[in-house]
Structure formats: structure tokens, C-alpha cells
PDB file of all heavy atoms in Angstrom:
ATOM      1  N   ASP A   1      57.724 221.214-100.537  1.00  0.00           N
ATOM      2  CA  ASP A   1      58.590 220.098-100.076  1.00  0.00           C
ATOM      3  C   ASP A   1      59.301 219.400-101.297  1.00  0.00           C
ATOM      4  O   ASP A   1      60.476 219.063-101.214  1.00  0.00           O
ATOM      5  CB  ASP A   1      57.891 219.067 -99.241  1.00  0.00           C
ATOM      6  CG  ASP A   1      57.343 219.646 -97.916  1.00  0.00           C
ATOM      7  OD1 ASP A   1      57.935 220.694 -97.496  1.00  0.00           O
ATOM      8  OD2 ASP A   1      56.444 219.124 -97.348  1.00  0.00           O
ATOM      9  N   PHE A   2      58.552 219.258-102.370  1.00  0.00           N
ATOM     10  CA  PHE A   2      59.047 218.687-103.606  1.00  0.00           C
ATOM     11  C   PHE A   2      60.174 219.573-104.161  1.00  0.00           C
ATOM     12  O   PHE A   2      61.233 219.048-104.528  1.00  0.00           O
ATOM     13  CB  PHE A   2      57.891 218.560-104.617  1.00  0.00           C
ATOM     14  CG  PHE A   2      58.260 217.841-105.846  1.00  0.00           C
ATOM     15  CD1 PHE A   2      58.315 216.453-105.895  1.00  0.00           C
ATOM     16  CD2 PHE A   2      58.474 218.518-107.055  1.00  0.00           C
ATOM     17  CE1 PHE A   2      58.593 215.730-107.074  1.00  0.00           C
ATOM     18  CE2 PHE A   2      58.766 217.841-108.225  1.00  0.00           C
ATOM     19  CZ  PHE A   2      58.827 216.441-108.237  1.00  0.00           C
ATOM     20  N   ILE A   3      59.972 220.874-104.123  1.00  0.00           N
ATOM     21  CA  ILE A   3      60.923 221.844-104.630  1.00  0.00           C
ATOM     22  C   ILE A   3      62.196 221.771-103.714  1.00  0.00           C
ATOM     23  O   ILE A   3      63.338 221.777-104.246  1.00  0.00           O
ATOM     24  CB  ILE A   3      60.353 223.226-104.785  1.00  0.00           C
ATOM     25  CG1 ILE A   3      59.292 223.307-105.815  1.00  0.00           C
ATOM     26  CG2 ILE A   3      61.431 224.275-105.032  1.00  0.00           C
ATOM     27  CD1 ILE A   3      58.479 224.567-105.858  1.00  0.00           C
ATOM     28  N   SER A   4      61.978 221.717-102.428  1.00  0.00           N
ATOM     29  CA  SER A   4      63.089 221.669-101.471  1.00  0.00           C
ATOM     30  C   SER A   4      63.942 220.429-101.741  1.00  0.00           C
ATOM     31  O   SER A   4      65.182 220.493-101.711  1.00  0.00           O
ATOM     32  CB  SER A   4      62.590 221.678-100.034  1.00  0.00           C
ATOM     33  OG  SER A   4      61.961 222.855 -99.752  1.00  0.00           O
ATOM     34  N   ALA A   5      63.315 219.296-102.015  1.00  0.00           N
ATOM     35  CA  ALA A   5      64.038 218.063-102.287  1.00  0.00           C
ATOM     36  C   ALA A   5      64.893 218.197-103.591  1.00  0.00           C
ATOM     37  O   ALA A   5      66.035 217.780-103.645  1.00  0.00           O
ATOM     38  CB  ALA A   5      63.103 216.878-102.399  1.00  0.00           C
ATOM     39  N   LEU A   6      64.291 218.831-104.550  1.00  0.00           N
ATOM     40  CA  LEU A   6      65.018 219.081-105.814  1.00  0.00           C
ATOM     41  C   LEU A   6      66.234 220.022-105.598  1.00  0.00           C
ATOM     42  O   LEU A   6      67.287 219.752-106.118  1.00  0.00           O
ATOM     43  CB  LEU A   6      64.056 219.680-106.886  1.00  0.00           C
ATOM     44  CG  LEU A   6      64.679 220.052-108.211  1.00  0.00           C
ATOM     45  CD1 LEU A   6      65.283 218.817-108.895  1.00  0.00           C
ATOM     46  CD2 LEU A   6      63.601 220.626-109.149  1.00  0.00           C
ATOM     47  N   GLU A   7      65.981 221.070-104.828  1.00  0.00           N
ATOM     48  CA  GLU A   7      67.085 222.038-104.519  1.00  0.00           C
ATOM     49  C   GLU A   7      68.238 221.332-103.840  1.00  0.00           C
ATOM     50  O   GLU A   7      69.429 221.571-104.203  1.00  0.00           O
ATOM     51  CB  GLU A   7      66.572 223.151-103.615  1.00  0.00           C
ATOM     52  CG  GLU A   7      65.580 224.122-104.320  1.00  0.00           C
ATOM     53  CD  GLU A   7      64.975 225.127-103.344  1.00  0.00           C
ATOM     54  OE1 GLU A   7      64.760 224.707-102.142  1.00  0.00           O
ATOM     55  OE2 GLU A   7      64.764 226.259-103.763  1.00  0.00           O
ATOM     56  N   LYS A   8      67.972 220.475-102.936  1.00  0.00           N
ATOM     57  CA  LYS A   8      68.965 219.780-102.185  1.00  0.00           C
ATOM     58  C   LYS A   8      69.801 218.871-103.120  1.00  0.00           C
ATOM     59  O   LYS A   8      71.034 218.760-103.113  1.00  0.00           O
ATOM     60  CB  LYS A   8      68.352 218.909-101.063  1.00  0.00           C
ATOM     61  CG  LYS A   8      69.332 218.142-100.204  1.00  0.00           C
ATOM     62  CD  LYS A   8      68.569 217.449 -99.052  1.00  0.00           C
ATOM     63  CE  LYS A   8      69.601 216.635 -98.229  1.00  0.00           C
ATOM     64  NZ  LYS A   8      68.901 215.820 -97.170  1.00  0.00           N
ATOM     65  N   ILE A   9      69.102 218.174-104.042  1.00  0.00           N
ATOM     66  CA  ILE A   9      69.756 217.230-104.914  1.00  0.00           C
ATOM     67  C   ILE A   9      70.568 217.992-105.983  1.00  0.00           C
ATOM     68  O   ILE A   9      71.698 217.576-106.326  1.00  0.00           O
ATOM     69  CB  ILE A   9      68.730 216.274-105.657  1.00  0.00           C
ATOM     70  CG1 ILE A   9      68.105 215.362-104.586  1.00  0.00           C
ATOM     71  CG2 ILE A   9      69.313 215.547-106.811  1.00  0.00           C
ATOM     72  CD1 ILE A   9      66.814 214.760-104.955  1.00  0.00           C
ATOM     73  N   LEU A  10      70.059 219.180-106.482  1.00  0.00           N
ATOM     74  CA  LEU A  10      70.788 219.986-107.458  1.00  0.00           C
ATOM     75  C   LEU A  10      71.926 220.781-106.768  1.00  0.00           C
ATOM     76  O   LEU A  10      72.855 221.194-107.463  1.00  0.00           O
ATOM     77  CB  LEU A  10      69.872 220.912-108.158  1.00  0.00           C
ATOM     78  CG  LEU A  10      68.856 220.336-109.145  1.00  0.00           C
ATOM     79  CD1 LEU A  10      67.895 221.422-109.595  1.00  0.00           C
ATOM     80  CD2 LEU A  10      69.580 219.713-110.315  1.00  0.00           C
ATOM     81  N   GLY A  11      71.794 221.016-105.475  1.00  0.00           N
ATOM     82  CA  GLY A  11      72.768 221.817-104.742  1.00  0.00           C
ATOM     83  C   GLY A  11      72.591 223.298-105.120  1.00  0.00           C
ATOM     84  O   GLY A  11      73.547 224.078-105.054  1.00  0.00           O
ATOM     85  N   LYS A  12      71.404 223.717-105.498  1.00  0.00           N
ATOM     86  CA  LYS A  12      71.132 225.108-105.849  1.00  0.00           C
ATOM     87  C   LYS A  12      69.766 225.498-105.353  1.00  0.00           C
ATOM     88  O   LYS A  12      68.829 224.724-105.397  1.00  0.00           O
ATOM     89  CB  LYS A  12      71.168 225.260-107.427  1.00  0.00           C
ATOM     90  CG  LYS A  12      72.550 225.185-108.028  1.00  0.00           C
ATOM     91  CD  LYS A  12      72.473 225.500-109.529  1.00  0.00           C
ATOM     92  CE  LYS A  12      72.286 227.003-109.725  1.00  0.00           C
ATOM     93  NZ  LYS A  12      72.382 227.377-111.146  1.00  0.00           N
ATOM     94  N   GLN A  13      69.641 226.761-104.930  1.00  0.00           N
ATOM     95  CA  GLN A  13      68.328 227.308-104.491  1.00  0.00           C
ATOM     96  C   GLN A  13      67.540 227.795-105.727  1.00  0.00           C
ATOM     97  O   GLN A  13      68.074 228.283-106.714  1.00  0.00           O
ATOM     98  CB  GLN A  13      68.562 228.500-103.592  1.00  0.00           C
ATOM     99  CG  GLN A  13      69.074 228.104-102.173  1.00  0.00           C
ATOM    100  CD  GLN A  13      68.050 227.311-101.393  1.00  0.00           C
ATOM    101  OE1 GLN A  13      68.210 226.135-101.111  1.00  0.00           O
ATOM    102  NE2 GLN A  13      66.971 227.953-100.990  1.00  0.00           N
ATOM    103  N   ALA A  14      66.237 227.601-105.623  1.00  0.00           N
ATOM    104  CA  ALA A  14      65.382 228.077-106.679  1.00  0.00           C
ATOM    105  C   ALA A  14      64.860 229.491-106.382  1.00  0.00           C
ATOM    106  O   ALA A  14      64.517 229.762-105.237  1.00  0.00           O
ATOM    107  CB  ALA A  14      64.183 227.136-106.880  1.00  0.00           C
ATOM    108  N   ARG A  15      64.788 230.320-107.366  1.00  0.00           N
ATOM    109  CA  ARG A  15      64.089 231.625-107.283  1.00  0.00           C
ATOM    110  C   ARG A  15      62.655 231.348-107.659  1.00  0.00           C
ATOM    111  O   ARG A  15      62.386 230.947-108.809  1.00  0.00           O
ATOM    112  CB  ARG A  15      64.735 232.710-108.154  1.00  0.00           C
ATOM    113  CG  ARG A  15      66.131 233.122-107.652  1.00  0.00           C
ATOM    114  CD  ARG A  15      66.659 234.265-108.466  1.00  0.00           C
ATOM    115  NE  ARG A  15      67.072 233.866-109.780  1.00  0.00           N
ATOM    116  CZ  ARG A  15      66.619 234.519-110.851  1.00  0.00           C
ATOM    117  NH1 ARG A  15      65.772 235.511-110.779  1.00  0.00           N
ATOM    118  NH2 ARG A  15      67.027 234.132-112.102  1.00  0.00           N
ATOM    119  N   LYS A  16      61.709 231.623-106.764  1.00  0.00           N
ATOM    120  CA  LYS A  16      60.337 231.271-106.956  1.00  0.00           C
ATOM    121  C   LYS A  16      59.483 232.458-107.362  1.00  0.00           C
ATOM    122  O   LYS A  16      59.390 233.471-106.690  1.00  0.00           O
ATOM    123  CB  LYS A  16      59.764 230.610-105.660  1.00  0.00           C
ATOM    124  CG  LYS A  16      60.564 229.366-105.238  1.00  0.00           C
ATOM    125  CD  LYS A  16      60.123 228.880-103.882  1.00  0.00           C
ATOM    126  CE  LYS A  16      61.018 227.768-103.358  1.00  0.00           C
ATOM    127  NZ  LYS A  16      62.286 228.281-102.918  1.00  0.00           N
ATOM    128  N   ASN A  17      58.751 232.209-108.458  1.00  0.00           N
ATOM    129  CA  ASN A  17      57.764 233.234-108.953  1.00  0.00           C
ATOM    130  C   ASN A  17      56.394 232.709-108.577  1.00  0.00           C
ATOM    131  O   ASN A  17      55.828 231.879-109.260  1.00  0.00           O
ATOM    132  CB  ASN A  17      57.945 233.335-110.512  1.00  0.00           C
ATOM    133  CG  ASN A  17      57.052 234.384-111.063  1.00  0.00           C
ATOM    134  OD1 ASN A  17      56.599 235.280-110.370  1.00  0.00           O
ATOM    135  ND2 ASN A  17      56.691 234.280-112.326  1.00  0.00           N
ATOM    136  N   LEU A  18      55.895 233.269-107.429  1.00  0.00           N
ATOM    137  CA  LEU A  18      54.619 232.727-106.867  1.00  0.00           C
ATOM    138  C   LEU A  18      53.449 233.323-107.653  1.00  0.00           C
ATOM    139  O   LEU A  18      53.307 234.548-107.797  1.00  0.00           O
ATOM    140  CB  LEU A  18      54.515 233.108-105.391  1.00  0.00           C
ATOM    141  CG  LEU A  18      55.605 232.543-104.502  1.00  0.00           C
ATOM    142  CD1 LEU A  18      55.437 232.959-103.072  1.00  0.00           C
ATOM    143  CD2 LEU A  18      55.605 231.024-104.610  1.00  0.00           C
ATOM    144  N   LEU A  19      52.549 232.435-108.117  1.00  0.00           N
ATOM    145  CA  LEU A  19      51.461 232.832-109.039  1.00  0.00           C
ATOM    146  C   LEU A  19      50.115 232.144-108.521  1.00  0.00           C
ATOM    147  O   LEU A  19      50.173 231.155-107.771  1.00  0.00           O
ATOM    148  CB  LEU A  19      51.704 232.315-110.443  1.00  0.00           C
ATOM    149  CG  LEU A  19      52.982 232.927-111.116  1.00  0.00           C
ATOM    150  CD1 LEU A  19      53.324 232.158-112.382  1.00  0.00           C
ATOM    151  CD2 LEU A  19      52.766 234.410-111.433  1.00  0.00           C
ATOM    152  N   PRO A  20      48.961 232.726-108.949  1.00  0.00           N
ATOM    153  CA  PRO A  20      47.702 232.143-108.525  1.00  0.00           C
ATOM    154  C   PRO A  20      47.470 230.743-109.261  1.00  0.00           C
ATOM    155  O   PRO A  20      48.204 230.428-110.190  1.00  0.00           O
ATOM    156  CB  PRO A  20      46.676 233.147-108.983  1.00  0.00           C
ATOM    157  CG  PRO A  20      47.328 233.991-110.046  1.00  0.00           C
ATOM    158  CD  PRO A  20      48.809 233.990-109.718  1.00  0.00           C
ATOM    159  N   LEU A  21      46.431 230.027-108.780  1.00  0.00           N
ATOM    160  CA  LEU A  21      46.100 228.766-109.448  1.00  0.00           C
ATOM    161  C   LEU A  21      45.709 228.978-110.875  1.00  0.00           C
ATOM    162  O   LEU A  21      44.915 229.881-111.204  1.00  0.00           O
ATOM    163  CB  LEU A  21      44.937 228.174-108.601  1.00  0.00           C
ATOM    164  CG  LEU A  21      44.539 226.733-108.951  1.00  0.00           C
ATOM    165  CD1 LEU A  21      45.671 225.753-108.520  1.00  0.00           C
ATOM    166  CD2 LEU A  21      43.221 226.379-108.271  1.00  0.00           C
ATOM    167  N   GLN A  22      46.205 228.094-111.738  1.00  0.00           N
ATOM    168  CA  GLN A  22      45.938 228.186-113.165  1.00  0.00           C
ATOM    169  C   GLN A  22      44.513 227.617-113.435  1.00  0.00           C
ATOM    170  O   GLN A  22      44.108 226.643-112.843  1.00  0.00           O
ATOM    171  CB  GLN A  22      46.938 227.358-113.988  1.00  0.00           C
ATOM    172  CG  GLN A  22      48.325 227.977-113.981  1.00  0.00           C
ATOM    173  CD  GLN A  22      48.421 228.919-115.080  1.00  0.00           C
ATOM    174  OE1 GLN A  22      48.213 230.116-114.973  1.00  0.00           O
ATOM    175  NE2 GLN A  22      48.822 228.448-116.232  1.00  0.00           N
ATOM    176  N   PRO A  23      43.785 228.150-114.418  1.00  0.00           N
ATOM    177  CA  PRO A  23      42.552 227.569-114.835  1.00  0.00           C
ATOM    178  C   PRO A  23      42.748 226.076-115.233  1.00  0.00           C
ATOM    179  O   PRO A  23      43.691 225.774-115.931  1.00  0.00           O
ATOM    180  CB  PRO A  23      42.127 228.398-116.028  1.00  0.00           C
ATOM    181  CG  PRO A  23      42.801 229.695-115.861  1.00  0.00           C
ATOM    182  CD  PRO A  23      44.118 229.421-115.196  1.00  0.00           C
ATOM    183  N   GLY A  24      41.823 225.236-114.755  1.00  0.00           N
ATOM    184  CA  GLY A  24      41.937 223.812-115.121  1.00  0.00           C
ATOM    185  C   GLY A  24      42.699 222.964-114.116  1.00  0.00           C
ATOM    186  O   GLY A  24      42.602 221.750-114.090  1.00  0.00           O
ATOM    187  N   ASP A  25      43.519 223.645-113.271  1.00  0.00           N
ATOM    188  CA  ASP A  25      44.310 222.898-112.270  1.00  0.00           C
ATOM    189  C   ASP A  25      43.501 222.664-110.984  1.00  0.00           C
ATOM    190  O   ASP A  25      42.690 223.409-110.648  1.00  0.00           O
ATOM    191  CB  ASP A  25      45.569 223.756-111.893  1.00  0.00           C
ATOM    192  CG  ASP A  25      46.735 223.459-112.772  1.00  0.00           C
ATOM    193  OD1 ASP A  25      46.561 222.668-113.727  1.00  0.00           O
ATOM    194  OD2 ASP A  25      47.827 224.073-112.638  1.00  0.00           O
ATOM    195  N   VAL A  26      43.782 221.549-110.313  1.00  0.00           N
ATOM    196  CA  VAL A  26      43.248 221.310-109.026  1.00  0.00           C
ATOM    197  C   VAL A  26      44.367 221.489-108.005  1.00  0.00           C
ATOM    198  O   VAL A  26      45.526 221.213-108.241  1.00  0.00           O
ATOM    199  CB  VAL A  26      42.638 219.879-108.923  1.00  0.00           C
ATOM    200  CG1 VAL A  26      41.492 219.709-109.885  1.00  0.00           C
ATOM    201  CG2 VAL A  26      43.694 218.791-109.221  1.00  0.00           C
ATOM    202  N   PRO A  27      44.007 221.943-106.800  1.00  0.00           N
ATOM    203  CA  PRO A  27      45.102 222.188-105.762  1.00  0.00           C
ATOM    204  C   PRO A  27      45.704 220.961-105.180  1.00  0.00           C
ATOM    205  O   PRO A  27      46.834 221.023-104.649  1.00  0.00           O
ATOM    206  CB  PRO A  27      44.341 223.002-104.729  1.00  0.00           C
ATOM    207  CG  PRO A  27      42.854 222.789-104.930  1.00  0.00           C
ATOM    208  CD  PRO A  27      42.697 222.407-106.323  1.00  0.00           C
ATOM    209  N   SER A  28      44.985 219.826-105.257  1.00  0.00           N
ATOM    210  CA  SER A  28      45.518 218.637-104.549  1.00  0.00           C
ATOM    211  C   SER A  28      45.064 217.342-105.232  1.00  0.00           C
ATOM    212  O   SER A  28      43.972 217.235-105.739  1.00  0.00           O
ATOM    213  CB  SER A  28      45.012 218.652-103.113  1.00  0.00           C
ATOM    214  OG  SER A  28      45.390 217.473-102.423  1.00  0.00           O
ATOM    215  N   THR A  29      45.966 216.338-105.286  1.00  0.00           N
ATOM    216  CA  THR A  29      45.608 215.014-105.721  1.00  0.00           C
ATOM    217  C   THR A  29      46.154 214.030-104.744  1.00  0.00           C
ATOM    218  O   THR A  29      47.227 214.141-104.162  1.00  0.00           O
ATOM    219  CB  THR A  29      46.153 214.710-107.168  1.00  0.00           C
ATOM    220  OG1 THR A  29      47.579 214.684-107.157  1.00  0.00           O
ATOM    221  CG2 THR A  29      45.705 215.682-108.199  1.00  0.00           C
ATOM    222  N   TYR A  30      45.402 212.934-104.578  1.00  0.00           N
ATOM    223  CA  TYR A  30      45.732 211.882-103.548  1.00  0.00           C
ATOM    224  C   TYR A  30      45.034 210.605-103.944  1.00  0.00           C
ATOM    225  O   TYR A  30      43.812 210.563-103.999  1.00  0.00           O
ATOM    226  CB  TYR A  30      45.320 212.392-102.180  1.00  0.00           C
ATOM    227  CG  TYR A  30      45.578 211.469-101.002  1.00  0.00           C
ATOM    228  CD1 TYR A  30      46.290 210.335-101.079  1.00  0.00           C
ATOM    229  CD2 TYR A  30      45.051 211.850 -99.750  1.00  0.00           C
ATOM    230  CE1 TYR A  30      46.492 209.521 -99.969  1.00  0.00           C
ATOM    231  CE2 TYR A  30      45.296 211.069 -98.602  1.00  0.00           C
ATOM    232  CZ  TYR A  30      45.972 209.887 -98.764  1.00  0.00           C
ATOM    233  OH  TYR A  30      46.186 209.065 -97.622  1.00  0.00           O
ATOM    234  N   ALA A  31      45.800 209.595-104.284  1.00  0.00           N
ATOM    235  CA  ALA A  31      45.181 208.362-104.860  1.00  0.00           C
ATOM    236  C   ALA A  31      44.836 207.347-103.788  1.00  0.00           C
ATOM    237  O   ALA A  31      45.702 206.964-102.967  1.00  0.00           O
ATOM    238  CB  ALA A  31      46.163 207.718-105.860  1.00  0.00           C
ATOM    239  N   ASP A  32      43.612 206.831-103.834  1.00  0.00           N
ATOM    240  CA  ASP A  32      43.215 205.680-103.051  1.00  0.00           C
ATOM    241  C   ASP A  32      43.573 204.514-103.933  1.00  0.00           C
ATOM    242  O   ASP A  32      43.060 204.336-105.029  1.00  0.00           O
ATOM    243  CB  ASP A  32      41.710 205.747-102.792  1.00  0.00           C
ATOM    244  CG  ASP A  32      41.224 204.521-101.995  1.00  0.00           C
ATOM    245  OD1 ASP A  32      41.776 203.440-102.122  1.00  0.00           O
ATOM    246  OD2 ASP A  32      40.185 204.654-101.303  1.00  0.00           O
ATOM    247  N   VAL A  33      44.495 203.614-103.450  1.00  0.00           N
ATOM    248  CA  VAL A  33      44.956 202.491-104.247  1.00  0.00           C
ATOM    249  C   VAL A  33      44.593 201.121-103.619  1.00  0.00           C
ATOM    250  O   VAL A  33      45.107 200.070-103.944  1.00  0.00           O
ATOM    251  CB  VAL A  33      46.473 202.541-104.492  1.00  0.00           C
ATOM    252  CG1 VAL A  33      46.820 203.725-105.366  1.00  0.00           C
ATOM    253  CG2 VAL A  33      47.222 202.550-103.222  1.00  0.00           C
ATOM    254  N   ASP A  34      43.521 201.157-102.736  1.00  0.00           N
ATOM    255  CA  ASP A  34      43.123 199.954-102.083  1.00  0.00           C
ATOM    256  C   ASP A  34      42.734 198.794-103.096  1.00  0.00           C
ATOM    257  O   ASP A  34      43.044 197.636-102.889  1.00  0.00           O
ATOM    258  CB  ASP A  34      41.956 200.226-101.142  1.00  0.00           C
ATOM    259  CG  ASP A  34      42.319 200.944 -99.906  1.00  0.00           C
ATOM    260  OD1 ASP A  34      43.582 201.145 -99.699  1.00  0.00           O
ATOM    261  OD2 ASP A  34      41.429 201.420 -99.127  1.00  0.00           O
ATOM    262  N   ASP A  35      42.034 199.191-104.122  1.00  0.00           N
ATOM    263  CA  ASP A  35      41.601 198.136-105.103  1.00  0.00           C
ATOM    264  C   ASP A  35      42.795 197.571-105.827  1.00  0.00           C
ATOM    265  O   ASP A  35      42.850 196.390-106.183  1.00  0.00           O
ATOM    266  CB  ASP A  35      40.648 198.775-106.151  1.00  0.00           C
ATOM    267  CG  ASP A  35      39.258 199.082-105.540  1.00  0.00           C
ATOM    268  OD1 ASP A  35      38.979 198.585-104.452  1.00  0.00           O
ATOM    269  OD2 ASP A  35      38.493 199.833-106.142  1.00  0.00           O
ATOM    270  N   LEU A  36      43.808 198.422-106.167  1.00  0.00           N
ATOM    271  CA  LEU A  36      45.029 197.969-106.800  1.00  0.00           C
ATOM    272  C   LEU A  36      45.713 196.910-105.926  1.00  0.00           C
ATOM    273  O   LEU A  36      46.192 195.903-106.406  1.00  0.00           O
ATOM    274  CB  LEU A  36      45.956 199.152-107.123  1.00  0.00           C
ATOM    275  CG  LEU A  36      47.086 198.954-108.055  1.00  0.00           C
ATOM    276  CD1 LEU A  36      46.596 198.796-109.486  1.00  0.00           C
ATOM    277  CD2 LEU A  36      48.039 200.161-107.997  1.00  0.00           C
ATOM    278  N   VAL A  37      45.809 197.239-104.628  1.00  0.00           N
ATOM    279  CA  VAL A  37      46.451 196.311-103.681  1.00  0.00           C
ATOM    280  C   VAL A  37      45.596 195.000-103.546  1.00  0.00           C
ATOM    281  O   VAL A  37      46.167 193.907-103.638  1.00  0.00           O
ATOM    282  CB  VAL A  37      46.556 197.025-102.315  1.00  0.00           C
ATOM    283  CG1 VAL A  37      47.059 195.994-101.242  1.00  0.00           C
ATOM    284  CG2 VAL A  37      47.518 198.201-102.371  1.00  0.00           C
ATOM    285  N   GLN A  38      44.315 195.105-103.498  1.00  0.00           N
ATOM    286  CA  GLN A  38      43.456 193.995-103.267  1.00  0.00           C
ATOM    287  C   GLN A  38      43.475 193.089-104.514  1.00  0.00           C
ATOM    288  O   GLN A  38      43.565 191.848-104.412  1.00  0.00           O
ATOM    289  CB  GLN A  38      42.043 194.449-102.987  1.00  0.00           C
ATOM    290  CG  GLN A  38      41.066 193.283-102.761  1.00  0.00           C
ATOM    291  CD  GLN A  38      39.633 193.758-102.441  1.00  0.00           C
ATOM    292  OE1 GLN A  38      39.469 194.634-101.567  1.00  0.00           O
ATOM    293  NE2 GLN A  38      38.638 193.327-103.167  1.00  0.00           N
ATOM    294  N   ASP A  39      43.291 193.634-105.716  1.00  0.00           N
ATOM    295  CA  ASP A  39      43.151 192.817-106.931  1.00  0.00           C
ATOM    296  C   ASP A  39      44.430 192.433-107.537  1.00  0.00           C
ATOM    297  O   ASP A  39      44.543 191.308-108.130  1.00  0.00           O
ATOM    298  CB  ASP A  39      42.333 193.620-107.948  1.00  0.00           C
ATOM    299  CG  ASP A  39      40.934 193.925-107.550  1.00  0.00           C
ATOM    300  OD1 ASP A  39      40.511 193.395-106.480  1.00  0.00           O
ATOM    301  OD2 ASP A  39      40.184 194.628-108.274  1.00  0.00           O
ATOM    302  N   LEU A  40      45.507 193.260-107.390  1.00  0.00           N
ATOM    303  CA  LEU A  40      46.769 192.957-108.084  1.00  0.00           C
ATOM    304  C   LEU A  40      47.960 192.793-107.116  1.00  0.00           C
ATOM    305  O   LEU A  40      49.120 192.508-107.604  1.00  0.00           O
ATOM    306  CB  LEU A  40      47.037 194.088-109.065  1.00  0.00           C
ATOM    307  CG  LEU A  40      45.947 194.280-110.124  1.00  0.00           C
ATOM    308  CD1 LEU A  40      46.113 195.589-110.807  1.00  0.00           C
ATOM    309  CD2 LEU A  40      46.039 193.166-111.148  1.00  0.00           C
ATOM    310  N   GLY A  41      47.703 192.945-105.822  1.00  0.00           N
ATOM    311  CA  GLY A  41      48.836 192.802-104.877  1.00  0.00           C
ATOM    312  C   GLY A  41      49.953 193.734-105.099  1.00  0.00           C
ATOM    313  O   GLY A  41      51.094 193.346-104.857  1.00  0.00           O
ATOM    314  N   TYR A  42      49.564 194.976-105.487  1.00  0.00           N
ATOM    315  CA  TYR A  42      50.608 195.894-105.823  1.00  0.00           C
ATOM    316  C   TYR A  42      50.347 197.292-105.361  1.00  0.00           C
ATOM    317  O   TYR A  42      49.205 197.731-105.462  1.00  0.00           O
ATOM    318  CB  TYR A  42      50.860 195.919-107.361  1.00  0.00           C
ATOM    319  CG  TYR A  42      51.981 196.866-107.746  1.00  0.00           C
ATOM    320  CD1 TYR A  42      53.259 196.619-107.415  1.00  0.00           C
ATOM    321  CD2 TYR A  42      51.686 198.038-108.436  1.00  0.00           C
ATOM    322  CE1 TYR A  42      54.276 197.481-107.728  1.00  0.00           C
ATOM    323  CE2 TYR A  42      52.718 198.915-108.818  1.00  0.00           C
ATOM    324  CZ  TYR A  42      53.958 198.633-108.423  1.00  0.00           C
ATOM    325  OH  TYR A  42      54.978 199.507-108.765  1.00  0.00           O
ATOM    326  N   LYS A  43      51.398 198.004-104.957  1.00  0.00           N
ATOM    327  CA  LYS A  43      51.311 199.408-104.500  1.00  0.00           C
ATOM    328  C   LYS A  43      52.583 200.133-104.807  1.00  0.00           C
ATOM    329  O   LYS A  43      53.683 199.640-104.431  1.00  0.00           O
ATOM    330  CB  LYS A  43      51.007 199.511-103.037  1.00  0.00           C
ATOM    331  CG  LYS A  43      50.880 200.917-102.533  1.00  0.00           C
ATOM    332  CD  LYS A  43      50.593 200.957-101.010  1.00  0.00           C
ATOM    333  CE  LYS A  43      50.530 202.377-100.496  1.00  0.00           C
ATOM    334  NZ  LYS A  43      50.366 202.406 -99.052  1.00  0.00           N
TER     335      LYS A  43
END
């Protein structure tokens, strides 16, 4: 979806070279920011 948004903004399609997961990479990240909101009133 991130790539699709970039393609739309650039007005060009990307040619994709699909590869396996790289060593050291994680497949997903997702931040819990409840403490940031509670302590600093910010998100």
C-alpha cells in the first residue's frame, strides 16, 4: 500500500523485484503510544 501511494504521487509504476525476508529484519512494526498520549498529550 505504501508503494502504491508512492506510485500514484510519482505518476509512475514500480517494477518490483520480490525477495525473501532479509536477515535482521522483522516483518511488522506497530507502536503502542498510549504512554506518550497520557504523559505528554501527544500522538
